[in-house]
Amino acid sequence: MDAGLIVRGFMLGFFIAAPVGPIGLLVIQRTLNNGRLIGLLSGLGAATADAIYGAIAAFGLTLVTAFLVEQQLWLGIAGGLFLCYLGIRTMLAKPATEAAHVERVVR
């Protein structure tokens, strides 16, 4: 099979699959107005920003997950104590002597 045909097929598939949002339109506009090099640099800048946002999200989620797993025992103890506090407070609360008054809304 012809290698050039495969490369052209990949390039065509890449360009068709690329989303055309506001940043994509900005890159296209810069390419048409200022040339291929400026368009390429604009696209690389947008891709770099996307990669940084993705890395922040991935590593931030990993850090939070690692922290929660490390502190699982203490978080369980704190949650259990809070549930005991709510149960004791509910048991010691005085019961209502009369039903709550509800106003009827007519539409």
C-alpha atoms as a PDB file:
ATOM      1  CA  MET A   1       0.000   0.000   0.000  1.00  0.00           C
ATOM      2  CA  ASP A   2       1.209   3.529  -0.787  1.00  0.00           C
ATOM      3  CA  ALA A   3       2.611   5.331   2.301  1.00  0.00           C
ATOM      4  CA  GLY A   4       1.669   8.732   0.871  1.00  0.00           C
ATOM      5  CA  LEU A   5      -1.942   7.648   0.589  1.00  0.00           C
ATOM      6  CA  ILE A   6      -1.962   6.555   4.234  1.00  0.00           C
ATOM      7  CA  VAL A   7      -0.447   9.867   5.371  1.00  0.00           C
ATOM      8  CA  ARG A   8      -2.979  11.850   3.326  1.00  0.00           C
ATOM      9  CA  GLY A   9      -5.781   9.711   4.769  1.00  0.00           C
ATOM     10  CA  PHE A  10      -4.632  10.407   8.323  1.00  0.00           C
ATOM     11  CA  MET A  11      -4.331  14.123   7.612  1.00  0.00           C
ATOM     12  CA  LEU A  12      -7.798  14.248   6.068  1.00  0.00           C
ATOM     13  CA  GLY A  13      -9.270  12.346   9.020  1.00  0.00           C
ATOM     14  CA  PHE A  14      -7.515  14.666  11.467  1.00  0.00           C
ATOM     15  CA  PHE A  15      -8.827  17.801   9.791  1.00  0.00           C
ATOM     16  CA  ILE A  16     -12.364  16.424   9.565  1.00  0.00           C
ATOM     17  CA  ALA A  17     -12.360  15.337  13.218  1.00  0.00           C
ATOM     18  CA  ALA A  18     -10.977  18.635  14.549  1.00  0.00           C
ATOM     19  CA  PRO A  19     -13.775  20.531  16.304  1.00  0.00           C
ATOM     20  CA  VAL A  20     -14.516  23.960  14.909  1.00  0.00           C
ATOM     21  CA  GLY A  21     -15.310  26.015  17.982  1.00  0.00           C
ATOM     22  CA  PRO A  22     -14.351  29.603  18.753  1.00  0.00           C
ATOM     23  CA  ILE A  23     -10.665  28.735  19.160  1.00  0.00           C
ATOM     24  CA  GLY A  24     -10.665  26.686  15.968  1.00  0.00           C
ATOM     25  CA  LEU A  25     -12.207  29.595  14.084  1.00  0.00           C
ATOM     26  CA  LEU A  26      -9.611  31.956  15.554  1.00  0.00           C
ATOM     27  CA  VAL A  27      -6.822  29.660  14.367  1.00  0.00           C
ATOM     28  CA  ILE A  28      -8.388  29.438  10.899  1.00  0.00           C
ATOM     29  CA  GLN A  29      -8.764  33.228  10.742  1.00  0.00           C
ATOM     30  CA  ARG A  30      -5.157  33.804  11.802  1.00  0.00           C
ATOM     31  CA  THR A  31      -3.966  31.255   9.257  1.00  0.00           C
ATOM     32  CA  LEU A  32      -5.880  32.931   6.429  1.00  0.00           C
ATOM     33  CA  ASN A  33      -4.868  36.454   7.473  1.00  0.00           C
ATOM     34  CA  ASN A  34      -1.251  35.924   8.507  1.00  0.00           C
ATOM     35  CA  GLY A  35      -0.037  32.704   6.925  1.00  0.00           C
ATOM     36  CA  ARG A  36       0.615  29.098   7.806  1.00  0.00           C
ATOM     37  CA  LEU A  37       3.312  29.708  10.425  1.00  0.00           C
ATOM     38  CA  ILE A  38       1.131  32.033  12.499  1.00  0.00           C
ATOM     39  CA  GLY A  39      -1.775  29.606  12.150  1.00  0.00           C
ATOM     40  CA  LEU A  40       0.401  26.704  13.253  1.00  0.00           C
ATOM     41  CA  LEU A  41       1.699  28.650  16.256  1.00  0.00           C
ATOM     42  CA  SER A  42      -1.847  29.693  17.195  1.00  0.00           C
ATOM     43  CA  GLY A  43      -3.007  26.072  16.994  1.00  0.00           C
ATOM     44  CA  LEU A  44      -0.050  24.892  19.083  1.00  0.00           C
ATOM     45  CA  GLY A  45      -0.837  27.567  21.675  1.00  0.00           C
ATOM     46  CA  ALA A  46      -4.461  26.442  21.890  1.00  0.00           C
ATOM     47  CA  ALA A  47      -3.395  22.784  22.148  1.00  0.00           C
ATOM     48  CA  THR A  48      -0.892  23.646  24.882  1.00  0.00           C
ATOM     49  CA  ALA A  49      -3.564  25.470  26.887  1.00  0.00           C
ATOM     50  CA  ASP A  50      -5.903  22.474  26.540  1.00  0.00           C
ATOM     51  CA  ALA A  51      -3.130  20.126  27.670  1.00  0.00           C
ATOM     52  CA  ILE A  52      -2.388  22.294  30.710  1.00  0.00           C
ATOM     53  CA  TYR A  53      -6.075  22.415  31.701  1.00  0.00           C
ATOM     54  CA  GLY A  54      -6.333  18.645  31.282  1.00  0.00           C
ATOM     55  CA  ALA A  55      -3.209  18.044  33.358  1.00  0.00           C
ATOM     56  CA  ILE A  56      -4.454  20.312  36.140  1.00  0.00           C
ATOM     57  CA  ALA A  57      -7.767  18.466  36.216  1.00  0.00           C
ATOM     58  CA  ALA A  58      -6.155  15.017  36.140  1.00  0.00           C
ATOM     59  CA  PHE A  59      -3.455  15.693  38.709  1.00  0.00           C
ATOM     60  CA  GLY A  60      -5.821  17.662  40.949  1.00  0.00           C
ATOM     61  CA  LEU A  61      -8.279  14.779  40.958  1.00  0.00           C
ATOM     62  CA  THR A  62      -5.451  12.350  41.663  1.00  0.00           C
ATOM     63  CA  LEU A  63      -4.271  14.432  44.621  1.00  0.00           C
ATOM     64  CA  VAL A  64      -7.765  14.673  46.094  1.00  0.00           C
ATOM     65  CA  THR A  65      -8.346  10.943  45.642  1.00  0.00           C
ATOM     66  CA  ALA A  66      -4.985  10.069  47.190  1.00  0.00           C
ATOM     67  CA  PHE A  67      -5.701  12.340  50.170  1.00  0.00           C
ATOM     68  CA  LEU A  68      -9.137  10.833  50.755  1.00  0.00           C
ATOM     69  CA  VAL A  69      -7.774   7.280  50.572  1.00  0.00           C
ATOM     70  CA  GLU A  70      -4.956   8.134  52.998  1.00  0.00           C
ATOM     71  CA  GLN A  71      -7.364   9.719  55.474  1.00  0.00           C
ATOM     72  CA  GLN A  72     -10.087   7.081  55.096  1.00  0.00           C
ATOM     73  CA  LEU A  73      -9.912   5.968  58.745  1.00  0.00           C
ATOM     74  CA  TRP A  74     -10.139   9.474  60.195  1.00  0.00           C
ATOM     75  CA  LEU A  75     -12.874  10.529  57.790  1.00  0.00           C
ATOM     76  CA  GLY A  76     -14.877   7.424  58.760  1.00  0.00           C
ATOM     77  CA  ILE A  77     -14.447   8.167  62.479  1.00  0.00           C
ATOM     78  CA  ALA A  78     -15.432  11.816  62.004  1.00  0.00           C
ATOM     79  CA  GLY A  79     -18.481  10.859  59.912  1.00  0.00           C
ATOM     80  CA  GLY A  80     -19.550   8.238  62.471  1.00  0.00           C
ATOM     81  CA  LEU A  81     -19.212  10.703  65.355  1.00  0.00           C
ATOM     82  CA  PHE A  82     -21.260  13.265  63.445  1.00  0.00           C
ATOM     83  CA  LEU A  83     -24.002  10.705  62.814  1.00  0.00           C
ATOM     84  CA  CYS A  84     -23.993   9.786  66.538  1.00  0.00           C
ATOM     85  CA  TYR A  85     -24.287  13.490  67.411  1.00  0.00           C
ATOM     86  CA  LEU A  86     -27.282  13.866  65.076  1.00  0.00           C
ATOM     87  CA  GLY A  87     -28.917  10.755  66.539  1.00  0.00           C
ATOM     88  CA  ILE A  88     -28.461  11.909  70.154  1.00  0.00           C
ATOM     89  CA  ARG A  89     -29.721  15.387  69.313  1.00  0.00           C
ATOM     90  CA  THR A  90     -32.788  13.884  67.617  1.00  0.00           C
ATOM     91  CA  MET A  91     -33.485  11.602  70.595  1.00  0.00           C
ATOM     92  CA  LEU A  92     -33.199  14.472  73.113  1.00  0.00           C
ATOM     93  CA  ALA A  93     -35.318  16.929  71.108  1.00  0.00           C
ATOM     94  CA  LYS A  94     -38.758  17.674  72.515  1.00  0.00           C
ATOM     95  CA  PRO A  95     -41.547  16.375  70.288  1.00  0.00           C
ATOM     96  CA  ALA A  96     -43.858  18.886  68.669  1.00  0.00           C
ATOM     97  CA  THR A  97     -47.054  19.542  70.626  1.00  0.00           C
ATOM     98  CA  GLU A  98     -49.089  20.519  67.585  1.00  0.00           C
ATOM     99  CA  ALA A  99     -48.887  20.049  63.854  1.00  0.00           C
ATOM    100  CA  ALA A 100     -47.198  22.662  61.730  1.00  0.00           C
ATOM    101  CA  HIS A 101     -49.508  25.289  60.206  1.00  0.00           C
ATOM    102  CA  VAL A 102     -49.541  25.147  56.411  1.00  0.00           C
ATOM    103  CA  GLU A 103     -50.963  27.945  54.299  1.00  0.00           C
ATOM    104  CA  ARG A 104     -52.741  26.886  51.188  1.00  0.00           C
ATOM    105  CA  VAL A 105     -51.621  28.627  48.011  1.00  0.00           C
ATOM    106  CA  VAL A 106     -54.297  29.058  45.359  1.00  0.00           C
ATOM    107  CA  ARG A 107     -53.173  29.651  41.812  1.00  0.00           C
END
